[in-house]
PDB file of N, CA and C in Angstrom:
ATOM      1  N   MET A   1    -103.942  59.366   9.067  1.00  0.00           N
ATOM      2  CA  MET A   1    -105.282  59.693   8.602  1.00  0.00           C
ATOM      3  C   MET A   1    -106.240  59.897   9.780  1.00  0.00           C
ATOM      4  N   ALA A   2    -106.118  59.061  10.800  1.00  0.00           N
ATOM      5  CA  ALA A   2    -107.005  59.188  11.958  1.00  0.00           C
ATOM      6  C   ALA A   2    -106.833  60.545  12.629  1.00  0.00           C
ATOM      7  N   ASN A   3    -105.590  61.001  12.733  1.00  0.00           N
ATOM      8  CA  ASN A   3    -105.351  62.310  13.340  1.00  0.00           C
ATOM      9  C   ASN A   3    -105.929  63.431  12.495  1.00  0.00           C
ATOM     10  N   GLU A   4    -105.848  63.297  11.167  1.00  0.00           N
ATOM     11  CA  GLU A   4    -106.437  64.307  10.281  1.00  0.00           C
ATOM     12  C   GLU A   4    -107.940  64.398  10.496  1.00  0.00           C
ATOM     13  N   ILE A   5    -108.574  63.251  10.656  1.00  0.00           N
ATOM     14  CA  ILE A   5    -110.023  63.233  10.848  1.00  0.00           C
ATOM     15  C   ILE A   5    -110.382  63.837  12.201  1.00  0.00           C
ATOM     16  N   LYS A   6    -109.621  63.512  13.242  1.00  0.00           N
ATOM     17  CA  LYS A   6    -109.878  64.112  14.553  1.00  0.00           C
ATOM     18  C   LYS A   6    -109.670  65.621  14.501  1.00  0.00           C
ATOM     19  N   ASP A   7    -108.627  66.068  13.806  1.00  0.00           N
ATOM     20  CA  ASP A   7    -108.396  67.510  13.644  1.00  0.00           C
ATOM     21  C   ASP A   7    -109.569  68.162  12.924  1.00  0.00           C
ATOM     22  N   PHE A   8    -110.015  67.513  11.843  1.00  0.00           N
ATOM     23  CA  PHE A   8    -111.145  68.033  11.083  1.00  0.00           C
ATOM     24  C   PHE A   8    -112.382  68.131  11.966  1.00  0.00           C
ATOM     25  N   LEU A   9    -112.674  67.063  12.706  1.00  0.00           N
ATOM     26  CA  LEU A   9    -113.849  67.050  13.567  1.00  0.00           C
ATOM     27  C   LEU A   9    -113.768  68.160  14.610  1.00  0.00           C
ATOM     28  N   GLY A  10    -112.605  68.325  15.219  1.00  0.00           N
ATOM     29  CA  GLY A  10    -112.437  69.388  16.208  1.00  0.00           C
ATOM     30  C   GLY A  10    -112.699  70.760  15.615  1.00  0.00           C
ATOM     31  N   LYS A  11    -112.178  70.982  14.418  1.00  0.00           N
ATOM     32  CA  LYS A  11    -112.400  72.264  13.740  1.00  0.00           C
ATOM     33  C   LYS A  11    -113.869  72.448  13.381  1.00  0.00           C
ATOM     34  N   GLN A  12    -114.522  71.360  13.001  1.00  0.00           N
ATOM     35  CA  GLN A  12    -115.947  71.428  12.682  1.00  0.00           C
ATOM     36  C   GLN A  12    -116.752  71.841  13.909  1.00  0.00           C
ATOM     37  N   VAL A  13    -116.461  71.218  15.046  1.00  0.00           N
ATOM     38  CA  VAL A  13    -117.195  71.536  16.270  1.00  0.00           C
ATOM     39  C   VAL A  13    -116.958  72.997  16.653  1.00  0.00           C
ATOM     40  N   ILE A  14    -115.718  73.443  16.580  1.00  0.00           N
ATOM     41  CA  ILE A  14    -115.419  74.850  16.894  1.00  0.00           C
ATOM     42  C   ILE A  14    -116.177  75.777  15.949  1.00  0.00           C
ATOM     43  N   ALA A  15    -116.115  75.495  14.654  1.00  0.00           N
ATOM     44  CA  ALA A  15    -116.770  76.357  13.661  1.00  0.00           C
ATOM     45  C   ALA A  15    -118.277  76.396  13.874  1.00  0.00           C
ATOM     46  N   ARG A  16    -118.872  75.232  14.080  1.00  0.00           N
ATOM     47  CA  ARG A  16    -120.329  75.185  14.272  1.00  0.00           C
ATOM     48  C   ARG A  16    -120.729  75.845  15.589  1.00  0.00           C
ATOM     49  N   ARG A  17    -119.930  75.642  16.622  1.00  0.00           N
ATOM     50  CA  ARG A  17    -120.234  76.231  17.931  1.00  0.00           C
ATOM     51  C   ARG A  17    -120.129  77.752  17.874  1.00  0.00           C
ATOM     52  N   THR A  18    -119.070  78.254  17.264  1.00  0.00           N
ATOM     53  CA  THR A  18    -118.907  79.713  17.195  1.00  0.00           C
ATOM     54  C   THR A  18    -119.940  80.340  16.262  1.00  0.00           C
ATOM     55  N   LYS A  19    -120.294  79.633  15.198  1.00  0.00           N
ATOM     56  CA  LYS A  19    -121.340  80.141  14.304  1.00  0.00           C
ATOM     57  C   LYS A  19    -122.666  80.262  15.049  1.00  0.00           C
ATOM     58  N   ALA A  20    -122.916  79.312  15.947  1.00  0.00           N
ATOM     59  CA  ALA A  20    -124.142  79.344  16.748  1.00  0.00           C
ATOM     60  C   ALA A  20    -124.011  80.280  17.952  1.00  0.00           C
ATOM     61  N   LYS A  21    -122.849  80.946  18.064  1.00  0.00           N
ATOM     62  CA  LYS A  21    -122.579  81.883  19.161  1.00  0.00           C
ATOM     63  C   LYS A  21    -122.710  81.201  20.524  1.00  0.00           C
ATOM     64  N   LEU A  22    -122.144  80.001  20.596  1.00  0.00           N
ATOM     65  CA  LEU A  22    -122.169  79.235  21.837  1.00  0.00           C
ATOM     66  C   LEU A  22    -120.764  79.149  22.424  1.00  0.00           C
ATOM     67  N   SER A  23    -120.675  79.296  23.713  1.00  0.00           N
ATOM     68  CA  SER A  23    -119.414  79.036  24.408  1.00  0.00           C
ATOM     69  C   SER A  23    -119.323  77.533  24.649  1.00  0.00           C
ATOM     70  N   GLN A  24    -118.166  77.085  25.071  1.00  0.00           N
ATOM     71  CA  GLN A  24    -118.049  75.673  25.433  1.00  0.00           C
ATOM     72  C   GLN A  24    -118.989  75.352  26.587  1.00  0.00           C
ATOM     73  N   ALA A  25    -119.148  76.288  27.504  1.00  0.00           N
ATOM     74  CA  ALA A  25    -120.048  76.074  28.644  1.00  0.00           C
ATOM     75  C   ALA A  25    -121.494  75.922  28.178  1.00  0.00           C
ATOM     76  N   ALA A  26    -121.905  76.761  27.236  1.00  0.00           N
ATOM     77  CA  ALA A  26    -123.274  76.673  26.721  1.00  0.00           C
ATOM     78  C   ALA A  26    -123.491  75.360  25.973  1.00  0.00           C
ATOM     79  N   LEU A  27    -122.502  74.948  25.185  1.00  0.00           N
ATOM     80  CA  LEU A  27    -122.612  73.670  24.478  1.00  0.00           C
ATOM     81  C   LEU A  27    -122.628  72.521  25.476  1.00  0.00           C
ATOM     82  N   SER A  28    -121.885  72.661  26.545  1.00  0.00           N
ATOM     83  CA  SER A  28    -121.876  71.653  27.602  1.00  0.00           C
ATOM     84  C   SER A  28    -123.275  71.475  28.189  1.00  0.00           C
ATOM     85  N   LYS A  29    -123.952  72.584  28.441  1.00  0.00           N
ATOM     86  CA  LYS A  29    -125.314  72.516  28.990  1.00  0.00           C
ATOM     87  C   LYS A  29    -126.274  71.863  28.008  1.00  0.00           C
ATOM     88  N   ARG A  30    -126.120  72.166  26.730  1.00  0.00           N
ATOM     89  CA  ARG A  30    -127.006  71.585  25.713  1.00  0.00           C
ATOM     90  C   ARG A  30    -126.788  70.091  25.526  1.00  0.00           C
ATOM     91  N   THR A  31    -125.563  69.650  25.717  1.00  0.00           N
ATOM     92  CA  THR A  31    -125.223  68.261  25.406  1.00  0.00           C
ATOM     93  C   THR A  31    -125.129  67.343  26.615  1.00  0.00           C
ATOM     94  N   GLY A  32    -124.883  67.923  27.778  1.00  0.00           N
ATOM     95  CA  GLY A  32    -124.625  67.095  28.951  1.00  0.00           C
ATOM     96  C   GLY A  32    -123.185  66.619  29.020  1.00  0.00           C
ATOM     97  N   LEU A  33    -122.373  67.040  28.052  1.00  0.00           N
ATOM     98  CA  LEU A  33    -120.946  66.712  28.070  1.00  0.00           C
ATOM     99  C   LEU A  33    -120.219  67.743  28.928  1.00  0.00           C
ATOM    100  N   SER A  34    -119.136  67.349  29.537  1.00  0.00           N
ATOM    101  CA  SER A  34    -118.373  68.305  30.336  1.00  0.00           C
ATOM    102  C   SER A  34    -117.652  69.293  29.414  1.00  0.00           C
ATOM    103  N   ILE A  35    -117.337  70.444  29.954  1.00  0.00           N
ATOM    104  CA  ILE A  35    -116.568  71.431  29.198  1.00  0.00           C
ATOM    105  C   ILE A  35    -115.220  70.832  28.813  1.00  0.00           C
ATOM    106  N   ALA A  36    -114.635  70.079  29.727  1.00  0.00           N
ATOM    107  CA  ALA A  36    -113.340  69.446  29.446  1.00  0.00           C
ATOM    108  C   ALA A  36    -113.449  68.487  28.263  1.00  0.00           C
ATOM    109  N   ARG A  37    -114.536  67.731  28.195  1.00  0.00           N
ATOM    110  CA  ARG A  37    -114.711  66.772  27.088  1.00  0.00           C
ATOM    111  C   ARG A  37    -114.876  67.516  25.762  1.00  0.00           C
ATOM    112  N   ILE A  38    -115.648  68.581  25.761  1.00  0.00           N
ATOM    113  CA  ILE A  38    -115.823  69.374  24.542  1.00  0.00           C
ATOM    114  C   ILE A  38    -114.477  69.946  24.107  1.00  0.00           C
ATOM    115  N   SER A  39    -113.713  70.441  25.052  1.00  0.00           N
ATOM    116  CA  SER A  39    -112.386  70.971  24.752  1.00  0.00           C
ATOM    117  C   SER A  39    -111.487  69.888  24.158  1.00  0.00           C
ATOM    118  N   GLU A  40    -111.540  68.685  24.708  1.00  0.00           N
ATOM    119  CA  GLU A  40    -110.732  67.573  24.183  1.00  0.00           C
ATOM    120  C   GLU A  40    -111.107  67.245  22.741  1.00  0.00           C
ATOM    121  N   ILE A  41    -112.402  67.273  22.444  1.00  0.00           N
ATOM    122  CA  ILE A  41    -112.866  66.993  21.078  1.00  0.00           C
ATOM    123  C   ILE A  41    -112.383  68.095  20.144  1.00  0.00           C
ATOM    124  N   GLU A  42    -112.534  69.343  20.566  1.00  0.00           N
ATOM    125  CA  GLU A  42    -112.118  70.468  19.732  1.00  0.00           C
ATOM    126  C   GLU A  42    -110.608  70.494  19.497  1.00  0.00           C
ATOM    127  N   ARG A  43    -109.848  70.022  20.463  1.00  0.00           N
ATOM    128  CA  ARG A  43    -108.388  70.001  20.327  1.00  0.00           C
ATOM    129  C   ARG A  43    -107.887  68.702  19.700  1.00  0.00           C
ATOM    130  N   ALA A  44    -108.787  67.851  19.276  1.00  0.00           N
ATOM    131  CA  ALA A  44    -108.453  66.572  18.628  1.00  0.00           C
ATOM    132  C   ALA A  44    -107.700  65.629  19.557  1.00  0.00           C
ATOM    133  N   VAL A  45    -107.997  65.727  20.844  1.00  0.00           N
ATOM    134  CA  VAL A  45    -107.384  64.841  21.829  1.00  0.00           C
ATOM    135  C   VAL A  45    -108.266  63.615  22.050  1.00  0.00           C
ATOM    136  N   ALA A  46    -109.574  63.816  21.998  1.00  0.00           N
ATOM    137  CA  ALA A  46    -110.532  62.754  22.300  1.00  0.00           C
ATOM    138  C   ALA A  46    -110.936  61.981  21.054  1.00  0.00           C
ATOM    139  N   ASN A  47    -111.390  60.761  21.276  1.00  0.00           N
ATOM    140  CA  ASN A  47    -112.011  59.936  20.243  1.00  0.00           C
ATOM    141  C   ASN A  47    -113.480  59.781  20.622  1.00  0.00           C
ATOM    142  N   PRO A  48    -114.332  60.723  20.206  1.00  0.00           N
ATOM    143  CA  PRO A  48    -115.727  60.666  20.632  1.00  0.00           C
ATOM    144  C   PRO A  48    -116.463  59.471  20.034  1.00  0.00           C
ATOM    145  N   THR A  49    -117.412  58.970  20.801  1.00  0.00           N
ATOM    146  CA  THR A  49    -118.242  57.864  20.333  1.00  0.00           C
ATOM    147  C   THR A  49    -119.272  58.391  19.338  1.00  0.00           C
ATOM    148  N   LEU A  50    -119.902  57.470  18.643  1.00  0.00           N
ATOM    149  CA  LEU A  50    -120.971  57.845  17.716  1.00  0.00           C
ATOM    150  C   LEU A  50    -122.093  58.550  18.468  1.00  0.00           C
ATOM    151  N   GLU A  51    -122.418  58.055  19.646  1.00  0.00           N
ATOM    152  CA  GLU A  51    -123.466  58.677  20.454  1.00  0.00           C
ATOM    153  C   GLU A  51    -123.099  60.125  20.798  1.00  0.00           C
ATOM    154  N   THR A  52    -121.856  60.356  21.170  1.00  0.00           N
ATOM    155  CA  THR A  52    -121.396  61.713  21.485  1.00  0.00           C
ATOM    156  C   THR A  52    -121.494  62.611  20.262  1.00  0.00           C
ATOM    157  N   LEU A  53    -121.111  62.092  19.111  1.00  0.00           N
ATOM    158  CA  LEU A  53    -121.197  62.875  17.875  1.00  0.00           C
ATOM    159  C   LEU A  53    -122.643  63.216  17.539  1.00  0.00           C
ATOM    160  N   MET A  54    -123.546  62.277  17.776  1.00  0.00           N
ATOM    161  CA  MET A  54    -124.966  62.527  17.519  1.00  0.00           C
ATOM    162  C   MET A  54    -125.491  63.615  18.449  1.00  0.00           C
ATOM    163  N   VAL A  55    -125.096  63.569  19.712  1.00  0.00           N
ATOM    164  CA  VAL A  55    -125.513  64.582  20.684  1.00  0.00           C
ATOM    165  C   VAL A  55    -124.971  65.954  20.281  1.00  0.00           C
ATOM    166  N   LEU A  56    -123.713  66.005  19.882  1.00  0.00           N
ATOM    167  CA  LEU A  56    -123.112  67.272  19.443  1.00  0.00           C
ATOM    168  C   LEU A  56    -123.827  67.830  18.214  1.00  0.00           C
ATOM    169  N   ALA A  57    -124.053  66.976  17.227  1.00  0.00           N
ATOM    170  CA  ALA A  57    -124.728  67.429  16.005  1.00  0.00           C
ATOM    171  C   ALA A  57    -126.097  68.000  16.338  1.00  0.00           C
ATOM    172  N   ASP A  58    -126.835  67.299  17.185  1.00  0.00           N
ATOM    173  CA  ASP A  58    -128.166  67.760  17.572  1.00  0.00           C
ATOM    174  C   ASP A  58    -128.087  69.112  18.283  1.00  0.00           C
ATOM    175  N   ALA A  59    -127.163  69.250  19.214  1.00  0.00           N
ATOM    176  CA  ALA A  59    -127.022  70.498  19.968  1.00  0.00           C
ATOM    177  C   ALA A  59    -126.580  71.658  19.085  1.00  0.00           C
ATOM    178  N   LEU A  60    -125.853  71.341  18.019  1.00  0.00           N
ATOM    179  CA  LEU A  60    -125.372  72.375  17.096  1.00  0.00           C
ATOM    180  C   LEU A  60    -126.332  72.608  15.930  1.00  0.00           C
ATOM    181  N   ASN A  61    -127.458  71.904  15.946  1.00  0.00           N
ATOM    182  CA  ASN A  61    -128.490  72.031  14.910  1.00  0.00           C
ATOM    183  C   ASN A  61    -127.970  71.723  13.509  1.00  0.00           C
ATOM    184  N   VAL A  62    -127.156  70.682  13.418  1.00  0.00           N
ATOM    185  CA  VAL A  62    -126.678  70.207  12.124  1.00  0.00           C
ATOM    186  C   VAL A  62    -126.894  68.701  12.074  1.00  0.00           C
ATOM    187  N   SER A  63    -126.923  68.176  10.872  1.00  0.00           N
ATOM    188  CA  SER A  63    -127.037  66.726  10.758  1.00  0.00           C
ATOM    189  C   SER A  63    -125.686  66.098  11.076  1.00  0.00           C
ATOM    190  N   LEU A  64    -125.726  64.848  11.456  1.00  0.00           N
ATOM    191  CA  LEU A  64    -124.484  64.127  11.714  1.00  0.00           C
ATOM    192  C   LEU A  64    -123.647  64.051  10.444  1.00  0.00           C
ATOM    193  N   VAL A  65    -124.314  63.897   9.305  1.00  0.00           N
ATOM    194  CA  VAL A  65    -123.613  63.849   8.016  1.00  0.00           C
ATOM    195  C   VAL A  65    -122.845  65.149   7.785  1.00  0.00           C
ATOM    196  N   ASP A  66    -123.477  66.291   8.050  1.00  0.00           N
ATOM    197  CA  ASP A  66    -122.798  67.577   7.864  1.00  0.00           C
ATOM    198  C   ASP A  66    -121.627  67.745   8.832  1.00  0.00           C
ATOM    199  N   LEU A  67    -121.814  67.307  10.059  1.00  0.00           N
ATOM    200  CA  LEU A  67    -120.741  67.424  11.042  1.00  0.00           C
ATOM    201  C   LEU A  67    -119.537  66.584  10.649  1.00  0.00           C
ATOM    202  N   LEU A  68    -119.799  65.442  10.031  1.00  0.00           N
ATOM    203  CA  LEU A  68    -118.732  64.505   9.677  1.00  0.00           C
ATOM    204  C   LEU A  68    -118.339  64.563   8.211  1.00  0.00           C
ATOM    205  N   ASP A  69    -118.719  65.594   7.498  1.00  0.00           N
ATOM    206  CA  ASP A  69    -118.484  65.660   6.054  1.00  0.00           C
ATOM    207  C   ASP A  69    -117.016  65.914   5.743  1.00  0.00           C
ATOM    208  N   TYR A  70    -116.192  64.946   6.065  1.00  0.00           N
ATOM    209  CA  TYR A  70    -114.746  65.062   5.833  1.00  0.00           C
ATOM    210  C   TYR A  70    -114.436  65.114   4.345  1.00  0.00           C
ATOM    211  N   GLU A  71    -115.058  64.254   3.571  1.00  0.00           N
ATOM    212  CA  GLU A  71    -114.807  64.239   2.125  1.00  0.00           C
ATOM    213  C   GLU A  71    -115.204  65.568   1.500  1.00  0.00           C
ATOM    214  N   GLY A  72    -116.286  66.161   1.991  1.00  0.00           N
ATOM    215  CA  GLY A  72    -116.721  67.452   1.477  1.00  0.00           C
ATOM    216  C   GLY A  72    -115.752  68.568   1.807  1.00  0.00           C
ATOM    217  N   SER A  73    -114.921  68.338   2.808  1.00  0.00           N
ATOM    218  CA  SER A  73    -113.952  69.366   3.177  1.00  0.00           C
ATOM    219  C   SER A  73    -112.726  69.338   2.277  1.00  0.00           C
ATOM    220  N   LEU A  74    -112.564  68.243   1.557  1.00  0.00           N
ATOM    221  CA  LEU A  74    -111.455  68.163   0.608  1.00  0.00           C
ATOM    222  C   LEU A  74    -111.834  69.035  -0.572  1.00  0.00           C
ATOM    223  N   THR A  75    -111.178  70.145  -0.708  1.00  0.00           N
ATOM    224  CA  THR A  75    -111.636  71.187  -1.608  1.00  0.00           C
ATOM    225  C   THR A  75    -111.201  70.979  -3.043  1.00  0.00           C
ATOM    226  N   SER A  76    -112.076  71.412  -3.905  1.00  0.00           N
ATOM    227  CA  SER A  76    -111.755  71.426  -5.327  1.00  0.00           C
ATOM    228  C   SER A  76    -110.913  72.668  -5.608  1.00  0.00           C
ATOM    229  N   ALA A  77    -110.350  72.725  -6.781  1.00  0.00           N
ATOM    230  CA  ALA A  77    -109.531  73.885  -7.160  1.00  0.00           C
ATOM    231  C   ALA A  77    -110.350  75.174  -7.077  1.00  0.00           C
ATOM    232  N   ALA A  78    -111.609  75.109  -7.480  1.00  0.00           N
ATOM    233  CA  ALA A  78    -112.454  76.307  -7.448  1.00  0.00           C
ATOM    234  C   ALA A  78    -112.661  76.796  -6.017  1.00  0.00           C
ATOM    235  N   LYS A  79    -112.869  75.864  -5.097  1.00  0.00           N
ATOM    236  CA  LYS A  79    -113.057  76.257  -3.702  1.00  0.00           C
ATOM    237  C   LYS A  79    -111.772  76.836  -3.122  1.00  0.00           C
ATOM    238  N   VAL A  80    -110.655  76.257  -3.485  1.00  0.00           N
ATOM    239  CA  VAL A  80    -109.371  76.768  -3.006  1.00  0.00           C
ATOM    240  C   VAL A  80    -109.163  78.189  -3.509  1.00  0.00           C
ATOM    241  N   LYS A  81    -109.433  78.410  -4.789  1.00  0.00           N
ATOM    242  CA  LYS A  81    -109.283  79.755  -5.354  1.00  0.00           C
ATOM    243  C   LYS A  81    -110.197  80.749  -4.645  1.00  0.00           C
ATOM    244  N   GLU A  82    -111.406  80.322  -4.341  1.00  0.00           N
ATOM    245  CA  GLU A  82    -112.354  81.194  -3.649  1.00  0.00           C
ATOM    246  C   GLU A  82    -111.835  81.557  -2.255  1.00  0.00           C
ATOM    247  N   LYS A  83    -111.295  80.579  -1.551  1.00  0.00           N
ATOM    248  CA  LYS A  83    -110.755  80.840  -0.218  1.00  0.00           C
ATOM    249  C   LYS A  83    -109.557  81.783  -0.284  1.00  0.00           C
ATOM    250  N   ILE A  84    -108.722  81.604  -1.287  1.00  0.00           N
ATOM    251  CA  ILE A  84    -107.567  82.495  -1.451  1.00  0.00           C
ATOM    252  C   ILE A  84    -108.043  83.914  -1.725  1.00  0.00           C
ATOM    253  N   THR A  85    -108.992  84.054  -2.626  1.00  0.00           N
ATOM    254  CA  THR A  85    -109.531  85.371  -2.966  1.00  0.00           C
ATOM    255  C   THR A  85    -110.135  86.040  -1.739  1.00  0.00           C
ATOM    256  N   ASP A  86    -110.908  85.282  -0.971  1.00  0.00           N
ATOM    257  CA  ASP A  86    -111.500  85.835   0.251  1.00  0.00           C
ATOM    258  C   ASP A  86    -110.418  86.286   1.226  1.00  0.00           C
ATOM    259  N   GLY A  87    -109.370  85.495   1.347  1.00  0.00           N
ATOM    260  CA  GLY A  87    -108.280  85.842   2.251  1.00  0.00           C
ATOM    261  C   GLY A  87    -107.525  87.078   1.816  1.00  0.00           C
ATOM    262  N   LEU A  88    -107.389  87.262   0.512  1.00  0.00           N
ATOM    263  CA  LEU A  88    -106.646  88.408  -0.014  1.00  0.00           C
ATOM    264  C   LEU A  88    -107.342  89.736   0.259  1.00  0.00           C
ATOM    265  N   GLU A  89    -108.633  89.698   0.456  1.00  0.00           N
ATOM    266  CA  GLU A  89    -109.387  90.932   0.691  1.00  0.00           C
ATOM    267  C   GLU A  89    -108.924  91.661   1.945  1.00  0.00           C
ATOM    268  N   ARG A  90    -108.333  90.940   2.876  1.00  0.00           N
ATOM    269  CA  ARG A  90    -107.900  91.545   4.135  1.00  0.00           C
ATOM    270  C   ARG A  90    -106.471  92.077   4.076  1.00  0.00           C
ATOM    271  N   PHE A  91    -105.787  91.865   2.970  1.00  0.00           N
ATOM    272  CA  PHE A  91    -104.383  92.261   2.854  1.00  0.00           C
ATOM    273  C   PHE A  91    -104.255  93.703   2.386  1.00  0.00           C
ATOM    274  N   ASP A  92    -103.201  94.354   2.871  1.00  0.00           N
ATOM    275  CA  ASP A  92    -102.893  95.688   2.362  1.00  0.00           C
ATOM    276  C   ASP A  92    -102.047  95.537   1.090  1.00  0.00           C
ATOM    277  N   GLU A  93    -101.702  96.669   0.466  1.00  0.00           N
ATOM    278  CA  GLU A  93    -100.990  96.626  -0.819  1.00  0.00           C
ATOM    279  C   GLU A  93     -99.638  95.915  -0.710  1.00  0.00           C
ATOM    280  N   LYS A  94     -98.919  96.172   0.353  1.00  0.00           N
ATOM    281  CA  LYS A  94     -97.601  95.542   0.525  1.00  0.00           C
ATOM    282  C   LYS A  94     -97.736  94.017   0.637  1.00  0.00           C
ATOM    283  N   GLN A  95     -98.716  93.572   1.388  1.00  0.00           N
ATOM    284  CA  GLN A  95     -98.935  92.130   1.532  1.00  0.00           C
ATOM    285  C   GLN A  95     -99.337  91.505   0.197  1.00  0.00           C
ATOM    286  N   LEU A  96    -100.156  92.219  -0.561  1.00  0.00           N
ATOM    287  CA  LEU A  96    -100.566  91.715  -1.875  1.00  0.00           C
ATOM    288  C   LEU A  96     -99.369  91.598  -2.814  1.00  0.00           C
ATOM    289  N   GLN A  97     -98.460  92.560  -2.758  1.00  0.00           N
ATOM    290  CA  GLN A  97     -97.252  92.496  -3.584  1.00  0.00           C
ATOM    291  C   GLN A  97     -96.400  91.281  -3.200  1.00  0.00           C
ATOM    292  N   THR A  98     -96.333  90.993  -1.914  1.00  0.00           N
ATOM    293  CA  THR A  98     -95.586  89.824  -1.441  1.00  0.00           C
ATOM    294  C   THR A  98     -96.217  88.537  -1.953  1.00  0.00           C
ATOM    295  N   VAL A  99     -97.536  88.458  -1.882  1.00  0.00           N
ATOM    296  CA  VAL A  99     -98.243  87.275  -2.386  1.00  0.00           C
ATOM    297  C   VAL A  99     -97.989  87.113  -3.875  1.00  0.00           C
ATOM    298  N   LEU A 100     -98.059  88.196  -4.617  1.00  0.00           N
ATOM    299  CA  LEU A 100     -97.805  88.143  -6.057  1.00  0.00           C
ATOM    300  C   LEU A 100     -96.395  87.630  -6.344  1.00  0.00           C
ATOM    301  N   ALA A 101     -95.426  88.115  -5.598  1.00  0.00           N
ATOM    302  CA  ALA A 101     -94.043  87.649  -5.782  1.00  0.00           C
ATOM    303  C   ALA A 101     -93.923  86.156  -5.484  1.00  0.00           C
ATOM    304  N   LEU A 102     -94.621  85.693  -4.453  1.00  0.00           N
ATOM    305  CA  LEU A 102     -94.603  84.263  -4.119  1.00  0.00           C
ATOM    306  C   LEU A 102     -95.229  83.424  -5.229  1.00  0.00           C
ATOM    307  N   VAL A 103     -96.345  83.888  -5.742  1.00  0.00           N
ATOM    308  CA  VAL A 103     -97.023  83.160  -6.824  1.00  0.00           C
ATOM    309  C   VAL A 103     -96.117  83.079  -8.048  1.00  0.00           C
ATOM    310  N   ARG A 104     -95.511  84.194  -8.392  1.00  0.00           N
ATOM    311  CA  ARG A 104     -94.601  84.197  -9.555  1.00  0.00           C
ATOM    312  C   ARG A 104     -93.426  83.248  -9.337  1.00  0.00           C
ATOM    313  N   ALA A 105     -92.886  83.234  -8.133  1.00  0.00           N
ATOM    314  CA  ALA A 105     -91.755  82.348  -7.828  1.00  0.00           C
ATOM    315  C   ALA A 105     -92.173  80.880  -7.896  1.00  0.00           C
ATOM    316  N   MET A 106     -93.386  80.589  -7.486  1.00  0.00           N
ATOM    317  CA  MET A 106     -93.864  79.203  -7.504  1.00  0.00           C
ATOM    318  C   MET A 106     -94.115  78.708  -8.923  1.00  0.00           C
ATOM    319  N   ARG A 107     -94.436  79.613  -9.824  1.00  0.00           N
ATOM    320  CA  ARG A 107     -94.706  79.218 -11.216  1.00  0.00           C
ATOM    321  C   ARG A 107     -93.441  78.875 -11.981  1.00  0.00           C
ATOM    322  N   LYS A 108     -92.295  79.309 -11.501  1.00  0.00           N
ATOM    323  CA  LYS A 108     -91.031  79.081 -12.212  1.00  0.00           C
ATOM    324  C   LYS A 108     -90.566  77.660 -12.070  1.00  0.00           C
TER     325      LYS A 108
END
């Protein structure tokens, strides 16, 4: 479970940083954390302190609650369906046929 949470946190930092159009270097300047430390957090190698998480949240212009919303990331069926639908939009006809075949096979 601890590794799942670290993975989630790393993905959150990456997502928030890229959404803000910040490089690791730019986030480093905003936070005072080294680029290496930010990379460790994003790769789920580090165990950041609460203070570090607060600094990151502030630099990313999000609340600490939003940054750590692990329970909120556990998706409902509706959210999963929405993500699947969004993902399918990028598929060509052949890929869609493959997905359909997989879905049919899974229902059996």
